[in-house]
Amino acid sequence: MTMTEKILARAAGKRAVEPGDNVWVAADVLMTHDVCGPGTIGIFRREFGAQARVWDRDRVVLIPDHYIFTKDDKAHRNVDILREFAADQSLPHLYDVGTPRYNGVCHIALAEEGHNRPGEVLFGTDSHTCTAGAFNEFATGIGNTDAAFVMGTGKLLLKVPPTMRFVFDGEVPSYILAKDLILQIIGDIGVDGATYRAMEFAGDAVMRLSMEERMTLANMVIEAGGKNGIIAADETTRAYVGARTKKSFDEVTNDPGASFSFERRYDASRLEPVVARPHSPDNRALARELKDVRLTRAYIGSCTGGKLTDFVNAAQVLRGRHVAVDTFLVPSTTEVSTGLRTHTIDGRPLLDIFRDAGCQVSIEASCAACLGGPKDTFGRINGPEVCISTTNRNFPGRMGSKEGQVYLASPYTVAASAVTGRITDPRELLQ
């Protein structure tokens, strides 16, 4: 069996499963946030009863992160519903905004708070729940109705997906980041190329990536239609998870004879910085081919591109330089926000480097403009802007106005482009 098949077999109480099997899978963690949480809670109460209790208080995680730093009353009401439900159910894992427990974007907060563990099953009411596959677990996004069912029963009926395997051999060049790897894949197979398939990432180049870079790979599985992403566990995984939870976990590996529905190998040393043009993540081009595209905005943030590693990489380009376009930076979590102040390059905090470069930095961690939000959302596109962004989607209206154009790229490429005011291959500025 593959890693994905092994996790689902274990969660279903079966010795073995194969692609196409329909199995009842036990959930280890269910996460919901302020956008989908109210709907999930409403369905749960309607179907299980107003006095019903969740199946396991310790396995339900509530994270407000999407529409929180706004004056919009409806957005505030969504967060209130999460608070009321957590109080009614005595849920210990509410990471509430405005409290010391608030952490930020759910997919990164889950990892930082120790809710991502190898061998487990994580369901979340957000398509980018697949981010957690970086931790050698089965993680996938589900809808409100399915989430309500899990909330009441702790299980969900799933079809076992076949596995596609993407192997990156060799050494990744210094100017290439995980965002380039995943955009390369999506450009090759298309936004429906992995529909209801597991996407496994392997090879020496992948296993040399930091945990945060692996999260970038797994995060955008859904942009190819994937059911889940997965990476084998190693010392990097164990060190990250072990520092954040005392709970035990059981890693999974592929069996020697594991069967894959598709396999593609890449020579990592030959990769170049890539960009996804409007209005689709698979509309790929090399960064050097787009040097005539003028920009009005740059954005660094989100679950895909707002981790501390992403800001460190951006700072490598921005230090000692000044941006030519409006450049917005949003940390994904409060831990990352703290890191902007404490992490230094040549003795200078990242925050100072960014401010000296003319960037507008939000100290509040959140999803912010990644998915548009209310018009007062920090960094939101409110007109015909041409933006280059470290986020994960670029269809019309994703970051606000449908008049906007969004190009997706790595933190290196976004930072370099912010400096020049045009899409720029980061090799032009990296030293």
Protein backbone atom coordinates (compact mmCIF):
# COMPACT_ATOMS: atom_id res chain seq x y z
CA MET A 1 0.00 0.00 0.00
CA THR A 2 0.95 3.65 -0.41
CA MET A 3 1.24 6.01 2.54
CA THR A 4 -2.23 7.42 1.92
CA GLU A 5 -3.74 3.93 1.67
CA LYS A 6 -2.05 2.84 4.91
CA ILE A 7 -3.40 5.80 6.87
CA LEU A 8 -6.93 5.26 5.59
CA ALA A 9 -6.76 1.51 6.23
CA ARG A 10 -5.68 2.10 9.81
CA ALA A 11 -8.36 4.75 10.35
CA ALA A 12 -10.98 2.40 8.89
CA GLY A 13 -9.90 -0.54 11.05
CA LYS A 14 -8.93 -2.62 8.01
CA ARG A 15 -5.80 -4.60 7.22
CA ALA A 16 -5.66 -3.20 3.70
CA VAL A 17 -7.48 -0.94 1.26
CA GLU A 18 -7.03 -0.12 -2.40
CA PRO A 19 -8.01 2.80 -4.64
CA GLY A 20 -11.75 2.95 -5.20
CA ASP A 21 -12.70 1.32 -1.89
CA ASN A 22 -15.36 3.16 0.11
CA VAL A 23 -14.49 3.08 3.81
CA TRP A 24 -15.69 4.68 7.03
CA VAL A 25 -12.71 6.66 8.29
CA ALA A 26 -12.24 7.75 11.91
CA ALA A 27 -11.14 11.37 12.32
CA ASP A 28 -8.26 12.33 14.58
CA VAL A 29 -8.88 16.08 14.27
CA LEU A 30 -11.70 18.23 12.87
CA MET A 31 -10.93 21.90 12.22
CA THR A 32 -13.30 24.67 11.24
CA HIS A 33 -12.98 28.46 11.04
CA ASP A 34 -15.07 31.63 11.01
CA VAL A 35 -16.19 31.29 7.39
CA CYS A 36 -17.49 27.71 7.46
CA GLY A 37 -17.82 27.14 11.19
CA PRO A 38 -21.23 28.82 11.61
CA GLY A 39 -22.70 26.74 8.79
CA THR A 40 -21.21 23.54 10.17
CA ILE A 41 -22.51 24.32 13.66
CA GLY A 42 -25.97 25.10 12.30
CA ILE A 43 -26.19 21.79 10.44
CA PHE A 44 -24.84 19.89 13.47
CA ARG A 45 -27.54 21.33 15.71
CA ARG A 46 -30.28 20.79 13.15
CA GLU A 47 -29.41 17.16 12.46
CA PHE A 48 -28.18 15.97 15.86
CA GLY A 49 -30.34 18.19 18.07
CA ALA A 50 -29.91 21.47 19.93
CA GLN A 51 -28.53 19.66 22.99
CA ALA A 52 -26.21 17.30 21.08
CA ARG A 53 -22.55 17.09 22.09
CA VAL A 54 -19.58 16.79 19.75
CA TRP A 55 -18.10 13.30 19.51
CA ASP A 56 -14.80 14.28 21.21
CA ARG A 57 -14.12 17.72 22.71
CA ASP A 58 -10.35 17.33 22.42
CA ARG A 59 -10.44 16.63 18.68
CA VAL A 60 -12.42 19.69 17.54
CA VAL A 61 -10.35 22.78 16.73
CA LEU A 62 -11.92 26.21 16.10
CA ILE A 63 -9.74 28.91 14.50
CA PRO A 64 -11.10 32.33 13.48
CA ASP A 65 -8.68 33.64 10.85
CA HIS A 66 -10.40 34.80 7.65
CA TYR A 67 -12.59 37.88 8.19
CA ILE A 68 -11.49 39.11 11.60
CA PHE A 69 -9.64 42.44 11.41
CA THR A 70 -12.53 44.34 9.87
CA LYS A 71 -15.42 46.57 10.91
CA ASP A 72 -17.90 44.30 9.13
CA ASP A 73 -20.66 43.28 11.58
CA LYS A 74 -21.51 40.05 9.77
CA ALA A 75 -17.90 38.95 9.98
CA HIS A 76 -17.89 39.68 13.72
CA ARG A 77 -21.07 37.63 14.15
CA ASN A 78 -19.38 34.60 12.59
CA VAL A 79 -16.64 34.75 15.23
CA ASP A 80 -19.25 35.15 17.97
CA ILE A 81 -20.93 31.93 16.83
CA LEU A 82 -17.64 30.06 17.24
CA ARG A 83 -17.21 31.52 20.72
CA GLU A 84 -20.73 30.59 21.78
CA PHE A 85 -20.37 27.05 20.47
CA ALA A 86 -17.00 26.55 22.15
CA ALA A 87 -18.45 27.73 25.47
CA ASP A 88 -21.58 25.57 25.13
CA GLN A 89 -19.54 22.46 24.26
CA SER A 90 -16.62 23.22 26.62
CA LEU A 91 -14.18 22.94 23.74
CA PRO A 92 -10.55 23.47 24.80
CA HIS A 93 -9.18 24.31 21.34
CA LEU A 94 -10.65 27.71 20.45
CA TYR A 95 -7.86 30.01 19.27
CA ASP A 96 -9.91 33.16 19.71
CA VAL A 97 -8.98 36.50 18.18
CA GLY A 98 -8.33 39.19 20.77
CA THR A 99 -6.97 36.70 23.30
CA PRO A 100 -3.45 35.43 24.04
CA ARG A 101 -4.42 32.11 22.43
CA TYR A 102 -5.10 33.65 19.02
CA ASN A 103 -2.61 32.32 16.51
CA GLY A 104 -3.65 33.19 12.96
CA VAL A 105 -4.17 31.28 9.73
CA CYS A 106 -5.61 27.86 10.51
CA HIS A 107 -3.33 25.71 8.35
CA ILE A 108 -0.15 27.08 9.91
CA ALA A 109 -1.66 27.43 13.38
CA LEU A 110 -2.66 23.75 13.36
CA ALA A 111 0.98 22.82 12.86
CA GLU A 112 2.35 25.28 15.41
CA GLU A 113 -0.16 24.16 18.04
CA GLY A 114 0.73 20.48 17.64
CA HIS A 115 -2.44 19.33 15.88
CA ASN A 116 -0.55 17.94 12.85
CA ARG A 117 0.87 14.47 13.51
CA PRO A 118 2.16 11.70 11.21
CA GLY A 119 -0.19 8.83 10.45
CA GLU A 120 -3.35 10.67 11.48
CA VAL A 121 -6.50 11.84 9.69
CA LEU A 122 -7.30 15.56 9.69
CA PHE A 123 -10.50 16.98 8.24
CA GLY A 124 -11.01 20.73 7.85
CA THR A 125 -13.69 22.99 6.39
CA ASP A 126 -11.17 24.64 4.11
CA SER A 127 -9.79 23.40 0.82
CA HIS A 128 -6.20 24.07 1.89
CA THR A 129 -6.44 21.64 4.79
CA CYS A 130 -4.25 19.50 2.52
CA THR A 131 -1.31 21.59 3.82
CA ALA A 132 -0.98 19.14 6.72
CA GLY A 133 -0.01 16.35 4.33
CA ALA A 134 3.52 17.70 4.70
CA PHE A 135 3.49 16.00 8.11
CA ASN A 136 2.92 12.48 6.74
CA GLU A 137 -0.80 12.53 7.52
CA PHE A 138 -4.00 12.31 5.51
CA ALA A 139 -5.49 15.81 5.48
CA THR A 140 -8.27 17.04 3.25
CA GLY A 141 -10.89 19.74 3.02
CA ILE A 142 -14.57 18.88 3.45
CA GLY A 143 -17.86 20.77 3.22
CA ASN A 144 -20.05 21.98 6.05
CA THR A 145 -22.45 19.02 5.89
CA ASP A 146 -19.65 16.46 6.05
CA ALA A 147 -18.00 18.43 8.85
CA ALA A 148 -21.23 18.47 10.84
CA PHE A 149 -21.47 14.69 10.44
CA VAL A 150 -17.88 14.28 11.65
CA MET A 151 -18.62 16.64 14.53
CA GLY A 152 -21.41 14.35 15.69
CA THR A 153 -19.97 10.93 14.88
CA GLY A 154 -16.20 11.22 14.53
CA LYS A 155 -16.17 9.45 11.17
CA LEU A 156 -16.73 10.03 7.46
CA LEU A 157 -17.28 7.81 4.42
CA LEU A 158 -14.41 8.26 1.95
CA LYS A 159 -13.33 6.71 -1.32
CA VAL A 160 -9.67 5.71 -1.23
CA PRO A 161 -7.82 7.82 -3.82
CA PRO A 162 -5.13 6.52 -6.18
CA THR A 163 -1.71 8.09 -5.66
CA MET A 164 0.26 10.21 -8.12
CA ARG A 165 3.97 10.45 -7.31
CA PHE A 166 6.19 13.45 -8.06
CA VAL A 167 9.91 12.90 -7.54
CA PHE A 168 12.46 15.72 -7.49
CA ASP A 169 15.97 14.35 -7.89
CA GLY A 170 19.20 16.21 -7.26
CA GLU A 171 19.89 19.59 -5.70
CA VAL A 172 17.49 22.53 -5.80
CA PRO A 173 19.29 25.70 -7.00
CA SER A 174 19.62 28.48 -4.44
CA TYR A 175 17.14 30.68 -6.32
CA ILE A 176 14.38 28.03 -6.38
CA LEU A 177 11.78 27.65 -3.62
CA ALA A 178 8.99 25.14 -2.96
CA LYS A 179 6.50 27.50 -4.62
CA ASP A 180 8.41 27.05 -7.88
CA LEU A 181 8.21 23.27 -7.51
CA ILE A 182 4.46 23.15 -7.01
CA LEU A 183 3.73 25.73 -9.73
CA GLN A 184 5.89 23.64 -12.08
CA ILE A 185 3.78 20.56 -11.31
CA ILE A 186 0.44 22.37 -11.65
CA GLY A 187 1.57 23.89 -14.93
CA ASP A 188 2.43 20.41 -16.19
CA ILE A 189 -0.74 18.54 -15.16
CA GLY A 190 -3.32 21.35 -15.01
CA VAL A 191 -5.81 22.41 -12.37
CA ASP A 192 -7.74 19.16 -12.82
CA GLY A 193 -4.78 16.88 -13.38
CA ALA A 194 -4.92 15.32 -9.92
CA THR A 195 -8.69 15.32 -9.38
CA TYR A 196 -9.52 13.06 -6.41
CA ARG A 197 -5.98 11.73 -6.28
CA ALA A 198 -3.35 11.73 -3.59
CA MET A 199 -0.23 13.66 -4.61
CA GLU A 200 2.93 12.27 -3.07
CA PHE A 201 6.12 14.34 -3.12
CA ALA A 202 9.43 12.50 -2.92
CA GLY A 203 13.09 12.61 -3.88
CA ASP A 204 16.28 14.03 -2.42
CA ALA A 205 15.31 17.61 -3.27
CA VAL A 206 12.00 17.34 -1.40
CA MET A 207 13.51 15.71 1.67
CA ARG A 208 16.07 18.52 1.93
CA LEU A 209 13.28 21.10 2.23
CA SER A 210 12.46 22.66 5.58
CA MET A 211 9.14 21.77 7.20
CA GLU A 212 7.67 25.11 6.18
CA GLU A 213 8.71 24.64 2.56
CA ARG A 214 7.14 21.17 2.55
CA MET A 215 3.94 22.81 3.76
CA THR A 216 4.01 25.06 0.69
CA LEU A 217 4.18 21.99 -1.55
CA ALA A 218 1.28 20.24 0.14
CA ASN A 219 -0.78 23.43 0.42
CA MET A 220 -1.35 23.77 -3.32
CA VAL A 221 -2.33 20.17 -4.00
CA ILE A 222 -5.93 21.35 -4.20
CA GLU A 223 -4.98 23.76 -7.00
CA ALA A 224 -4.37 20.63 -9.11
CA GLY A 225 -7.64 19.07 -7.91
CA GLY A 226 -5.88 16.72 -5.50
CA LYS A 227 -7.67 14.99 -2.63
CA ASN A 228 -4.61 15.17 -0.39
CA GLY A 229 -0.87 15.63 -0.48
CA ILE A 230 1.64 13.55 1.43
CA ILE A 231 5.36 13.45 2.19
CA ALA A 232 7.32 10.77 4.05
CA ALA A 233 8.34 11.60 7.61
CA ASP A 234 12.00 12.05 8.56
CA GLU A 235 14.06 13.79 11.24
CA THR A 236 12.86 17.19 10.02
CA THR A 237 9.26 16.07 10.59
CA ARG A 238 9.97 14.48 13.96
CA ALA A 239 11.86 17.52 15.25
CA TYR A 240 9.05 19.91 14.29
CA VAL A 241 6.21 17.76 15.64
CA GLY A 242 8.09 16.65 18.74
CA ALA A 243 8.72 20.26 19.74
CA ARG A 244 4.99 21.04 19.59
CA THR A 245 3.16 18.04 21.05
CA LYS A 246 3.66 15.31 23.62
CA LYS A 247 1.19 13.03 21.86
CA SER A 248 2.57 9.89 20.26
CA PHE A 249 2.23 9.23 16.55
CA ASP A 250 2.87 6.43 14.06
CA GLU A 251 4.59 7.30 10.81
CA VAL A 252 3.74 5.51 7.58
CA THR A 253 5.90 4.57 4.62
CA ASN A 254 5.16 3.13 1.21
CA ASP A 255 5.34 -0.63 0.91
CA PRO A 256 8.11 -1.82 -1.45
CA GLY A 257 5.52 -2.88 -4.00
CA ALA A 258 3.22 0.13 -3.63
CA SER A 259 1.33 0.96 -6.82
CA PHE A 260 1.08 4.50 -8.21
CA SER A 261 -1.37 5.65 -10.86
CA PHE A 262 1.17 8.12 -12.24
CA GLU A 263 4.79 9.06 -11.63
CA ARG A 264 6.81 12.01 -12.90
CA ARG A 265 10.46 12.75 -12.14
CA TYR A 266 12.16 16.13 -12.25
CA ASP A 267 15.81 17.10 -12.30
CA ALA A 268 15.65 19.78 -9.60
CA SER A 269 18.91 21.36 -10.75
CA ARG A 270 17.31 22.38 -14.06
CA LEU A 271 14.31 24.21 -12.58
CA GLU A 272 13.83 27.94 -13.14
CA PRO A 273 11.69 30.49 -11.24
CA VAL A 274 8.11 30.28 -12.49
CA VAL A 275 4.98 32.42 -12.29
CA ALA A 276 1.29 31.56 -12.66
CA ARG A 277 -0.37 34.21 -14.81
CA PRO A 278 -3.99 35.37 -14.47
CA HIS A 279 -6.44 33.80 -14.05
CA SER A 280 -5.40 30.25 -13.19
CA PRO A 281 -2.65 28.54 -11.15
CA ASP A 282 -1.79 26.35 -14.16
CA ASN A 283 -1.22 29.32 -16.50
CA ARG A 284 2.52 28.95 -16.03
CA ALA A 285 5.40 30.91 -17.50
CA LEU A 286 9.03 31.39 -16.59
CA ALA A 287 9.62 34.57 -14.60
CA ARG A 288 12.25 35.69 -17.11
CA GLU A 289 9.66 35.51 -19.90
CA LEU A 290 7.41 38.07 -18.18
CA LYS A 291 9.88 40.92 -17.68
CA ASP A 292 7.65 43.35 -19.59
CA VAL A 293 4.68 42.89 -17.23
CA ARG A 294 4.36 46.08 -15.17
CA LEU A 295 3.00 45.82 -11.65
CA THR A 296 1.12 48.13 -9.30
CA ARG A 297 1.23 45.93 -6.20
CA ALA A 298 3.06 43.08 -4.46
CA TYR A 299 1.74 40.89 -1.65
CA ILE A 300 3.55 38.45 0.66
CA GLY A 301 1.38 36.43 3.02
CA SER A 302 -1.20 33.61 3.40
CA CYS A 303 -0.93 29.96 4.41
CA THR A 304 1.12 29.38 1.26
CA GLY A 305 3.51 32.30 1.46
CA GLY A 306 3.30 33.96 4.88
CA LYS A 307 5.46 31.65 7.00
CA LEU A 308 8.66 32.81 8.68
CA THR A 309 10.77 31.06 6.05
CA ASP A 310 8.91 32.98 3.35
CA PHE A 311 9.68 36.31 5.00
CA VAL A 312 13.32 35.38 5.54
CA ASN A 313 13.59 34.59 1.83
CA ALA A 314 11.88 37.86 0.87
CA ALA A 315 14.20 39.81 3.17
CA GLN A 316 17.24 38.34 1.42
CA VAL A 317 16.10 40.20 -1.69
CA LEU A 318 14.69 43.36 -0.07
CA ARG A 319 17.50 44.25 2.34
CA GLY A 320 19.25 47.42 1.27
CA ARG A 321 16.70 48.05 -1.47
CA HIS A 322 13.42 49.95 -1.82
CA VAL A 323 10.19 48.75 -3.39
CA ALA A 324 8.83 50.45 -6.50
CA VAL A 325 5.17 49.47 -5.95
CA ASP A 326 2.82 49.19 -2.98
CA THR A 327 3.98 46.10 -1.14
CA PHE A 328 1.89 44.46 1.58
CA LEU A 329 3.21 41.89 4.04
CA VAL A 330 0.97 39.79 6.32
CA PRO A 331 2.32 37.14 8.72
CA SER A 332 0.32 33.92 8.76
CA THR A 333 0.50 33.44 12.54
CA THR A 334 1.36 35.32 15.71
CA GLU A 335 4.47 33.15 15.98
CA VAL A 336 5.53 34.42 12.57
CA SER A 337 4.65 37.98 13.59
CA THR A 338 6.96 37.63 16.59
CA GLY A 339 9.62 36.23 14.28
CA LEU A 340 9.51 39.39 12.17
CA ARG A 341 10.77 41.24 15.23
CA THR A 342 13.20 38.66 16.58
CA HIS A 343 14.71 36.99 13.51
CA THR A 344 17.66 38.92 12.15
CA ILE A 345 19.78 39.04 9.02
CA ASP A 346 23.22 40.54 9.60
CA GLY A 347 21.97 41.79 12.97
CA ARG A 348 18.88 43.54 11.59
CA PRO A 349 15.33 42.37 12.43
CA LEU A 350 13.22 41.37 9.45
CA LEU A 351 10.64 44.00 10.36
CA ASP A 352 13.25 46.77 10.09
CA ILE A 353 14.44 45.44 6.73
CA PHE A 354 10.89 45.48 5.37
CA ARG A 355 10.01 48.91 6.71
CA ASP A 356 13.23 50.42 5.42
CA ALA A 357 12.38 48.92 2.03
CA GLY A 358 9.06 50.79 2.06
CA CYS A 359 6.81 47.79 2.66
CA GLN A 360 3.48 48.06 4.49
CA VAL A 361 3.59 45.39 7.21
CA SER A 362 0.60 44.12 9.15
CA ILE A 363 1.56 43.00 12.62
CA GLU A 364 -1.83 41.25 12.90
CA ALA A 365 -1.66 37.66 11.65
CA SER A 366 -4.55 36.58 9.42
CA CYS A 367 -5.62 35.44 5.97
CA ALA A 368 -6.10 39.14 5.08
CA ALA A 369 -6.36 39.79 1.33
CA CYS A 370 -5.64 36.25 0.15
CA LEU A 371 -9.35 35.72 -0.43
CA GLY A 372 -10.45 39.34 -0.70
CA GLY A 373 -12.73 39.83 2.28
CA PRO A 374 -14.53 43.02 3.34
CA LYS A 375 -13.32 46.18 1.58
CA ASP A 376 -11.36 47.36 4.63
CA THR A 377 -9.22 44.19 4.63
CA PHE A 378 -5.48 44.94 4.74
CA GLY A 379 -3.92 44.65 1.28
CA ARG A 380 -7.21 43.93 -0.51
CA ILE A 381 -7.34 44.68 -4.23
CA ASN A 382 -10.10 47.26 -4.65
CA GLY A 383 -9.62 48.18 -8.30
CA PRO A 384 -7.75 47.31 -11.52
CA GLU A 385 -4.47 46.48 -9.78
CA VAL A 386 -1.80 44.25 -11.27
CA CYS A 387 -0.45 42.28 -8.34
CA ILE A 388 2.23 39.65 -7.84
CA SER A 389 1.56 37.52 -4.79
CA THR A 390 2.80 34.55 -2.76
CA THR A 391 -0.80 33.35 -2.32
CA ASN A 392 -2.29 30.25 -3.93
CA ARG A 393 -5.17 31.34 -6.19
CA ASN A 394 -5.56 33.98 -8.87
CA PHE A 395 -8.99 33.62 -10.43
CA PRO A 396 -11.01 36.85 -10.96
CA GLY A 397 -12.00 38.44 -7.66
CA ARG A 398 -9.94 36.12 -5.47
CA MET A 399 -8.06 38.98 -3.79
CA GLY A 400 -10.93 41.46 -4.03
CA SER A 401 -11.95 43.30 -7.17
CA LYS A 402 -12.66 41.28 -10.31
CA GLU A 403 -10.82 44.01 -12.19
CA GLY A 404 -7.57 42.94 -10.54
CA GLN A 405 -4.96 40.70 -12.11
CA VAL A 406 -2.96 38.40 -9.84
CA TYR A 407 0.30 36.65 -10.68
CA LEU A 408 1.42 33.87 -8.31
CA ALA A 409 5.08 33.37 -7.49
CA SER A 410 7.63 32.51 -4.82
CA PRO A 411 8.71 34.97 -2.09
CA TYR A 412 12.00 35.48 -3.98
CA THR A 413 10.20 36.38 -7.20
CA VAL A 414 7.59 38.56 -5.50
CA ALA A 415 10.25 40.50 -3.57
CA ALA A 416 12.42 40.99 -6.66
CA SER A 417 9.41 42.16 -8.66
CA ALA A 418 8.38 44.58 -5.91
CA VAL A 419 11.80 46.23 -6.18
CA THR A 420 11.76 46.64 -9.96
CA GLY A 421 8.04 47.26 -10.47
CA ARG A 422 7.88 44.53 -13.10
CA ILE A 423 7.89 40.75 -12.96
CA THR A 424 11.51 39.90 -12.32
CA ASP A 425 13.50 36.68 -12.23
CA PRO A 426 14.99 36.75 -8.71
CA ARG A 427 18.38 35.73 -10.08
CA GLU A 428 18.74 39.35 -11.19
CA LEU A 429 18.83 40.52 -7.54
CA LEU A 430 19.92 37.57 -5.41
CA GLN A 431 23.53 37.80 -4.33
